[in-house]
Amino acid sequence: MSYSFEYIDIILLAMIAGFIFLRLRGILGSKSEFENEMPTEFKPEFVKEVSKERSKELTFDDEAQSNFIKGAKIAYENIITSFSLGNLSSVKNLLDKKIYEQFQDALNDRKKNGQKSEMTFIGISSAEIKNHENKNGFLEVKVDFVSEIISSVKNSENKIISGDPNKVKKVYDTWKFSKNVSSNNPNWLLIETES
């Protein structure tokens, strides 16, 4: 009699194993007939589609220009304000190495001469894209800014040596921004300034 219980145990275990196998097959699936037909190279139509999609990413259409101008205005105000305060650390990631060094040299000269800058940023009157071009995988955009600023520079004796702390003046700047089109980094870098 004890042998009959062993056969029932084996049958019961076989049924549990079969149930687990069927559940795994249902979850993981089985090999399909298409898996054996993997292409070794892409069809020309696929390559053309990928090329079209890639070229769409590189375009600088009206929507991209509108988004760029919004970001450029914010960058312009932040850079101008940080420069005036004498601290570029918060905008270093927006400045090309050459521009950062030029700005830092100007700040060092100001500090060495005992000068202090006071500035109130009123706002940007206009910001317009002057031109844009794709150069060696970098999209470069030149922007004309017109802003209103109250600024003055004082010497170590607190005497005004330039500007007027009571007068709003219009400032005309042309800045060039650059972005690597193949990079995932969304930040543009300021690479050139003209006043």
C-alpha atoms as a PDB file:
ATOM      1  CA  MET A   1       0.000   0.000   0.000  1.00  0.00           C
ATOM      2  CA  SER A   2       2.783   2.366   0.647  1.00  0.00           C
ATOM      3  CA  TYR A   3       3.774   2.062  -3.035  1.00  0.00           C
ATOM      4  CA  SER A   4       0.478   3.526  -4.246  1.00  0.00           C
ATOM      5  CA  PHE A   5       1.128   6.810  -2.430  1.00  0.00           C
ATOM      6  CA  GLU A   6       4.507   7.191  -4.205  1.00  0.00           C
ATOM      7  CA  TYR A   7       2.819   6.923  -7.616  1.00  0.00           C
ATOM      8  CA  ILE A   8       0.253   9.534  -6.629  1.00  0.00           C
ATOM      9  CA  ASP A   9       3.061  11.855  -5.427  1.00  0.00           C
ATOM     10  CA  ILE A  10       4.898  11.455  -8.754  1.00  0.00           C
ATOM     11  CA  ILE A  11       1.737  12.141 -10.763  1.00  0.00           C
ATOM     12  CA  LEU A  12       0.917  15.167  -8.584  1.00  0.00           C
ATOM     13  CA  LEU A  13       4.452  16.591  -8.982  1.00  0.00           C
ATOM     14  CA  ALA A  14       4.303  16.011 -12.769  1.00  0.00           C
ATOM     15  CA  MET A  15       1.025  17.948 -12.937  1.00  0.00           C
ATOM     16  CA  ILE A  16       2.530  20.858 -10.933  1.00  0.00           C
ATOM     17  CA  ALA A  17       5.615  20.892 -13.221  1.00  0.00           C
ATOM     18  CA  GLY A  18       3.361  20.880 -16.301  1.00  0.00           C
ATOM     19  CA  PHE A  19       1.301  23.750 -14.891  1.00  0.00           C
ATOM     20  CA  ILE A  20       4.461  25.799 -14.164  1.00  0.00           C
ATOM     21  CA  PHE A  21       5.809  25.070 -17.668  1.00  0.00           C
ATOM     22  CA  LEU A  22       2.566  26.238 -19.307  1.00  0.00           C
ATOM     23  CA  ARG A  23       2.489  29.429 -17.178  1.00  0.00           C
ATOM     24  CA  LEU A  24       6.116  30.266 -18.066  1.00  0.00           C
ATOM     25  CA  ARG A  25       5.441  29.655 -21.746  1.00  0.00           C
ATOM     26  CA  GLY A  26       2.409  31.938 -21.573  1.00  0.00           C
ATOM     27  CA  ILE A  27       4.402  34.692 -19.871  1.00  0.00           C
ATOM     28  CA  LEU A  28       7.687  34.413 -21.775  1.00  0.00           C
ATOM     29  CA  GLY A  29       6.286  33.301 -25.096  1.00  0.00           C
ATOM     30  CA  SER A  30       7.751  30.911 -27.577  1.00  0.00           C
ATOM     31  CA  LYS A  31      10.110  31.280 -30.513  1.00  0.00           C
ATOM     32  CA  SER A  32       8.297  32.607 -33.557  1.00  0.00           C
ATOM     33  CA  GLU A  33       8.965  31.800 -37.184  1.00  0.00           C
ATOM     34  CA  PHE A  34      10.240  35.360 -37.830  1.00  0.00           C
ATOM     35  CA  GLU A  35      13.172  35.112 -35.428  1.00  0.00           C
ATOM     36  CA  ASN A  36      15.048  32.900 -37.865  1.00  0.00           C
ATOM     37  CA  GLU A  37      14.716  35.487 -40.644  1.00  0.00           C
ATOM     38  CA  MET A  38      16.772  38.332 -39.106  1.00  0.00           C
ATOM     39  CA  PRO A  39      18.158  40.619 -41.829  1.00  0.00           C
ATOM     40  CA  THR A  40      21.907  41.109 -41.914  1.00  0.00           C
ATOM     41  CA  GLU A  41      21.573  44.608 -43.371  1.00  0.00           C
ATOM     42  CA  PHE A  42      18.880  47.264 -43.408  1.00  0.00           C
ATOM     43  CA  LYS A  43      16.733  47.787 -46.439  1.00  0.00           C
ATOM     44  CA  PRO A  44      17.318  51.070 -48.329  1.00  0.00           C
ATOM     45  CA  GLU A  45      13.816  52.295 -47.415  1.00  0.00           C
ATOM     46  CA  PHE A  46      14.607  51.951 -43.706  1.00  0.00           C
ATOM     47  CA  VAL A  47      17.893  53.819 -44.075  1.00  0.00           C
ATOM     48  CA  LYS A  48      16.078  56.650 -45.913  1.00  0.00           C
ATOM     49  CA  GLU A  49      13.465  56.862 -43.145  1.00  0.00           C
ATOM     50  CA  VAL A  50      16.138  57.030 -40.438  1.00  0.00           C
ATOM     51  CA  SER A  51      17.956  59.738 -42.430  1.00  0.00           C
ATOM     52  CA  LYS A  52      14.731  61.767 -42.727  1.00  0.00           C
ATOM     53  CA  GLU A  53      14.100  61.459 -38.978  1.00  0.00           C
ATOM     54  CA  ARG A  54      17.689  62.516 -38.209  1.00  0.00           C
ATOM     55  CA  SER A  55      17.441  65.545 -40.506  1.00  0.00           C
ATOM     56  CA  LYS A  56      14.201  66.585 -38.781  1.00  0.00           C
ATOM     57  CA  GLU A  57      16.107  66.620 -35.478  1.00  0.00           C
ATOM     58  CA  LEU A  58      18.704  68.963 -36.974  1.00  0.00           C
ATOM     59  CA  THR A  59      16.214  71.491 -38.338  1.00  0.00           C
ATOM     60  CA  PHE A  60      15.767  74.813 -36.653  1.00  0.00           C
ATOM     61  CA  ASP A  61      12.107  75.427 -37.499  1.00  0.00           C
ATOM     62  CA  ASP A  62       9.816  78.172 -36.164  1.00  0.00           C
ATOM     63  CA  GLU A  63       8.912  76.223 -33.016  1.00  0.00           C
ATOM     64  CA  ALA A  64      12.584  75.471 -32.264  1.00  0.00           C
ATOM     65  CA  GLN A  65      13.456  79.139 -32.841  1.00  0.00           C
ATOM     66  CA  SER A  66      10.670  80.287 -30.520  1.00  0.00           C
ATOM     67  CA  ASN A  67      11.856  77.907 -27.772  1.00  0.00           C
ATOM     68  CA  PHE A  68      15.449  78.980 -28.361  1.00  0.00           C
ATOM     69  CA  ILE A  69      14.603  82.699 -28.001  1.00  0.00           C
ATOM     70  CA  LYS A  70      12.814  82.031 -24.679  1.00  0.00           C
ATOM     71  CA  GLY A  71      15.883  80.260 -23.342  1.00  0.00           C
ATOM     72  CA  ALA A  72      18.281  82.842 -24.815  1.00  0.00           C
ATOM     73  CA  LYS A  73      16.449  85.674 -23.007  1.00  0.00           C
ATOM     74  CA  ILE A  74      16.762  83.853 -19.693  1.00  0.00           C
ATOM     75  CA  ALA A  75      20.448  83.113 -20.344  1.00  0.00           C
ATOM     76  CA  TYR A  76      21.102  86.737 -21.361  1.00  0.00           C
ATOM     77  CA  GLU A  77      19.578  88.138 -18.167  1.00  0.00           C
ATOM     78  CA  ASN A  78      21.334  85.578 -15.939  1.00  0.00           C
ATOM     79  CA  ILE A  79      24.746  86.140 -17.557  1.00  0.00           C
ATOM     80  CA  ILE A  80      24.463  89.956 -17.458  1.00  0.00           C
ATOM     81  CA  THR A  81      23.326  89.884 -13.816  1.00  0.00           C
ATOM     82  CA  SER A  82      25.997  87.379 -12.726  1.00  0.00           C
ATOM     83  CA  PHE A  83      28.716  89.397 -14.464  1.00  0.00           C
ATOM     84  CA  SER A  84      27.542  92.564 -12.748  1.00  0.00           C
ATOM     85  CA  LEU A  85      27.610  90.819  -9.369  1.00  0.00           C
ATOM     86  CA  GLY A  86      31.125  89.561 -10.104  1.00  0.00           C
ATOM     87  CA  ASN A  87      30.255  85.883  -9.756  1.00  0.00           C
ATOM     88  CA  LEU A  88      30.125  83.687 -12.867  1.00  0.00           C
ATOM     89  CA  SER A  89      29.853  80.332 -11.078  1.00  0.00           C
ATOM     90  CA  SER A  90      26.075  80.059 -11.593  1.00  0.00           C
ATOM     91  CA  VAL A  91      26.361  80.623 -15.367  1.00  0.00           C
ATOM     92  CA  LYS A  92      29.646  78.854 -16.100  1.00  0.00           C
ATOM     93  CA  ASN A  93      27.781  76.001 -17.834  1.00  0.00           C
ATOM     94  CA  LEU A  94      26.309  78.545 -20.293  1.00  0.00           C
ATOM     95  CA  LEU A  95      29.657  80.042 -21.305  1.00  0.00           C
ATOM     96  CA  ASP A  96      32.219  78.746 -23.760  1.00  0.00           C
ATOM     97  CA  LYS A  97      35.654  78.385 -22.146  1.00  0.00           C
ATOM     98  CA  LYS A  98      37.057  81.342 -24.114  1.00  0.00           C
ATOM     99  CA  ILE A  99      34.139  83.633 -23.186  1.00  0.00           C
ATOM    100  CA  TYR A 100      34.295  82.522 -19.552  1.00  0.00           C
ATOM    101  CA  GLU A 101      37.993  83.417 -19.416  1.00  0.00           C
ATOM    102  CA  GLN A 102      37.355  86.835 -21.039  1.00  0.00           C
ATOM    103  CA  PHE A 103      34.590  87.626 -18.549  1.00  0.00           C
ATOM    104  CA  GLN A 104      36.704  86.388 -15.636  1.00  0.00           C
ATOM    105  CA  ASP A 105      39.654  88.549 -16.797  1.00  0.00           C
ATOM    106  CA  ALA A 106      37.364  91.600 -16.900  1.00  0.00           C
ATOM    107  CA  LEU A 107      36.114  90.832 -13.379  1.00  0.00           C
ATOM    108  CA  ASN A 108      39.686  90.393 -12.132  1.00  0.00           C
ATOM    109  CA  ASP A 109      40.690  93.759 -13.681  1.00  0.00           C
ATOM    110  CA  ARG A 110      37.704  95.432 -12.045  1.00  0.00           C
ATOM    111  CA  LYS A 111      38.601  93.922  -8.683  1.00  0.00           C
ATOM    112  CA  LYS A 112      42.291  94.805  -9.060  1.00  0.00           C
ATOM    113  CA  ASN A 113      41.370  98.441  -9.779  1.00  0.00           C
ATOM    114  CA  GLY A 114      39.059  98.562  -6.764  1.00  0.00           C
ATOM    115  CA  GLN A 115      35.966  99.105  -8.904  1.00  0.00           C
ATOM    116  CA  LYS A 116      32.458  98.038  -8.000  1.00  0.00           C
ATOM    117  CA  SER A 117      29.620  97.515 -10.473  1.00  0.00           C
ATOM    118  CA  GLU A 118      26.004  98.280  -9.624  1.00  0.00           C
ATOM    119  CA  MET A 119      23.335  97.165 -12.037  1.00  0.00           C
ATOM    120  CA  THR A 120      19.578  96.835 -12.181  1.00  0.00           C
ATOM    121  CA  PHE A 121      18.274  94.754 -15.060  1.00  0.00           C
ATOM    122  CA  ILE A 122      14.973  96.311 -16.203  1.00  0.00           C
ATOM    123  CA  GLY A 123      14.151  93.917 -19.022  1.00  0.00           C
ATOM    124  CA  ILE A 124      14.614  92.859 -22.621  1.00  0.00           C
ATOM    125  CA  SER A 125      12.882  95.050 -25.192  1.00  0.00           C
ATOM    126  CA  SER A 126      13.571  92.657 -28.049  1.00  0.00           C
ATOM    127  CA  ALA A 127      15.500  89.541 -28.934  1.00  0.00           C
ATOM    128  CA  GLU A 128      15.645  88.492 -32.574  1.00  0.00           C
ATOM    129  CA  ILE A 129      17.565  85.799 -34.375  1.00  0.00           C
ATOM    130  CA  LYS A 130      19.911  87.511 -36.811  1.00  0.00           C
ATOM    131  CA  ASN A 131      21.064  84.292 -38.488  1.00  0.00           C
ATOM    132  CA  HIS A 132      21.715  80.628 -37.839  1.00  0.00           C
ATOM    133  CA  GLU A 133      23.886  78.039 -39.502  1.00  0.00           C
ATOM    134  CA  ASN A 134      25.032  74.472 -39.064  1.00  0.00           C
ATOM    135  CA  LYS A 135      28.848  74.398 -38.867  1.00  0.00           C
ATOM    136  CA  ASN A 136      30.614  71.034 -38.573  1.00  0.00           C
ATOM    137  CA  GLY A 137      27.898  69.466 -36.436  1.00  0.00           C
ATOM    138  CA  PHE A 138      27.319  72.608 -34.346  1.00  0.00           C
ATOM    139  CA  LEU A 139      24.266  74.808 -34.737  1.00  0.00           C
ATOM    140  CA  GLU A 140      25.303  78.444 -34.278  1.00  0.00           C
ATOM    141  CA  VAL A 141      22.682  81.127 -33.718  1.00  0.00           C
ATOM    142  CA  LYS A 142      23.352  84.868 -33.637  1.00  0.00           C
ATOM    143  CA  VAL A 143      20.843  86.935 -31.630  1.00  0.00           C
ATOM    144  CA  ASP A 144      20.361  90.708 -31.452  1.00  0.00           C
ATOM    145  CA  PHE A 145      19.293  91.779 -27.959  1.00  0.00           C
ATOM    146  CA  VAL A 146      17.952  95.188 -26.968  1.00  0.00           C
ATOM    147  CA  SER A 147      17.697  95.537 -23.207  1.00  0.00           C
ATOM    148  CA  GLU A 148      17.137  98.251 -20.630  1.00  0.00           C
ATOM    149  CA  ILE A 149      19.590  98.478 -17.777  1.00  0.00           C
ATOM    150  CA  ILE A 150      20.497 100.908 -15.012  1.00  0.00           C
ATOM    151  CA  SER A 151      24.214 100.591 -14.386  1.00  0.00           C
ATOM    152  CA  SER A 152      27.162 102.397 -12.904  1.00  0.00           C
ATOM    153  CA  VAL A 153      30.730 101.608 -11.944  1.00  0.00           C
ATOM    154  CA  LYS A 154      32.197 103.126  -8.801  1.00  0.00           C
ATOM    155  CA  ASN A 155      35.815 103.368  -7.685  1.00  0.00           C
ATOM    156  CA  SER A 156      37.199 102.427  -4.279  1.00  0.00           C
ATOM    157  CA  GLU A 157      36.168 105.869  -2.930  1.00  0.00           C
ATOM    158  CA  ASN A 158      32.554 105.156  -4.016  1.00  0.00           C
ATOM    159  CA  LYS A 159      32.670 107.826  -6.755  1.00  0.00           C
ATOM    160  CA  ILE A 160      30.901 107.092 -10.033  1.00  0.00           C
ATOM    161  CA  ILE A 161      33.431 106.646 -12.841  1.00  0.00           C
ATOM    162  CA  SER A 162      30.986 105.461 -15.524  1.00  0.00           C
ATOM    163  CA  GLY A 163      27.254 105.082 -16.004  1.00  0.00           C
ATOM    164  CA  ASP A 164      24.405 106.725 -14.105  1.00  0.00           C
ATOM    165  CA  PRO A 165      22.612 104.994 -11.203  1.00  0.00           C
ATOM    166  CA  ASN A 166      19.457 107.031 -11.904  1.00  0.00           C
ATOM    167  CA  LYS A 167      19.138 106.629 -15.673  1.00  0.00           C
ATOM    168  CA  VAL A 168      17.777 103.726 -17.709  1.00  0.00           C
ATOM    169  CA  LYS A 169      19.861 103.123 -20.798  1.00  0.00           C
ATOM    170  CA  LYS A 170      19.213 100.943 -23.837  1.00  0.00           C
ATOM    171  CA  VAL A 171      21.883  98.350 -24.474  1.00  0.00           C
ATOM    172  CA  TYR A 172      22.355  96.755 -27.903  1.00  0.00           C
ATOM    173  CA  ASP A 173      24.163  93.401 -27.868  1.00  0.00           C
ATOM    174  CA  THR A 174      24.709  90.688 -30.449  1.00  0.00           C
ATOM    175  CA  TRP A 175      25.498  87.298 -28.960  1.00  0.00           C
ATOM    176  CA  LYS A 176      26.281  84.033 -30.709  1.00  0.00           C
ATOM    177  CA  PHE A 177      25.215  80.740 -29.149  1.00  0.00           C
ATOM    178  CA  SER A 178      26.322  77.252 -30.168  1.00  0.00           C
ATOM    179  CA  LYS A 179      25.054  73.725 -29.563  1.00  0.00           C
ATOM    180  CA  ASN A 180      26.424  70.344 -30.596  1.00  0.00           C
ATOM    181  CA  VAL A 181      23.519  68.829 -32.564  1.00  0.00           C
ATOM    182  CA  SER A 182      24.533  65.258 -31.754  1.00  0.00           C
ATOM    183  CA  SER A 183      24.761  65.922 -28.004  1.00  0.00           C
ATOM    184  CA  ASN A 184      21.984  65.097 -25.549  1.00  0.00           C
ATOM    185  CA  ASN A 185      22.912  68.178 -23.514  1.00  0.00           C
ATOM    186  CA  PRO A 186      20.093  70.727 -23.951  1.00  0.00           C
ATOM    187  CA  ASN A 187      22.290  73.713 -22.996  1.00  0.00           C
ATOM    188  CA  TRP A 188      23.550  76.187 -25.547  1.00  0.00           C
ATOM    189  CA  LEU A 189      26.906  77.878 -24.996  1.00  0.00           C
ATOM    190  CA  LEU A 190      27.609  81.561 -25.464  1.00  0.00           C
ATOM    191  CA  ILE A 191      30.603  81.618 -27.833  1.00  0.00           C
ATOM    192  CA  GLU A 192      30.795  85.268 -28.964  1.00  0.00           C
ATOM    193  CA  THR A 193      29.622  88.741 -27.877  1.00  0.00           C
ATOM    194  CA  GLU A 194      29.435  92.097 -29.656  1.00  0.00           C
ATOM    195  CA  SER A 195      28.195  95.390 -28.262  1.00  0.00           C
END
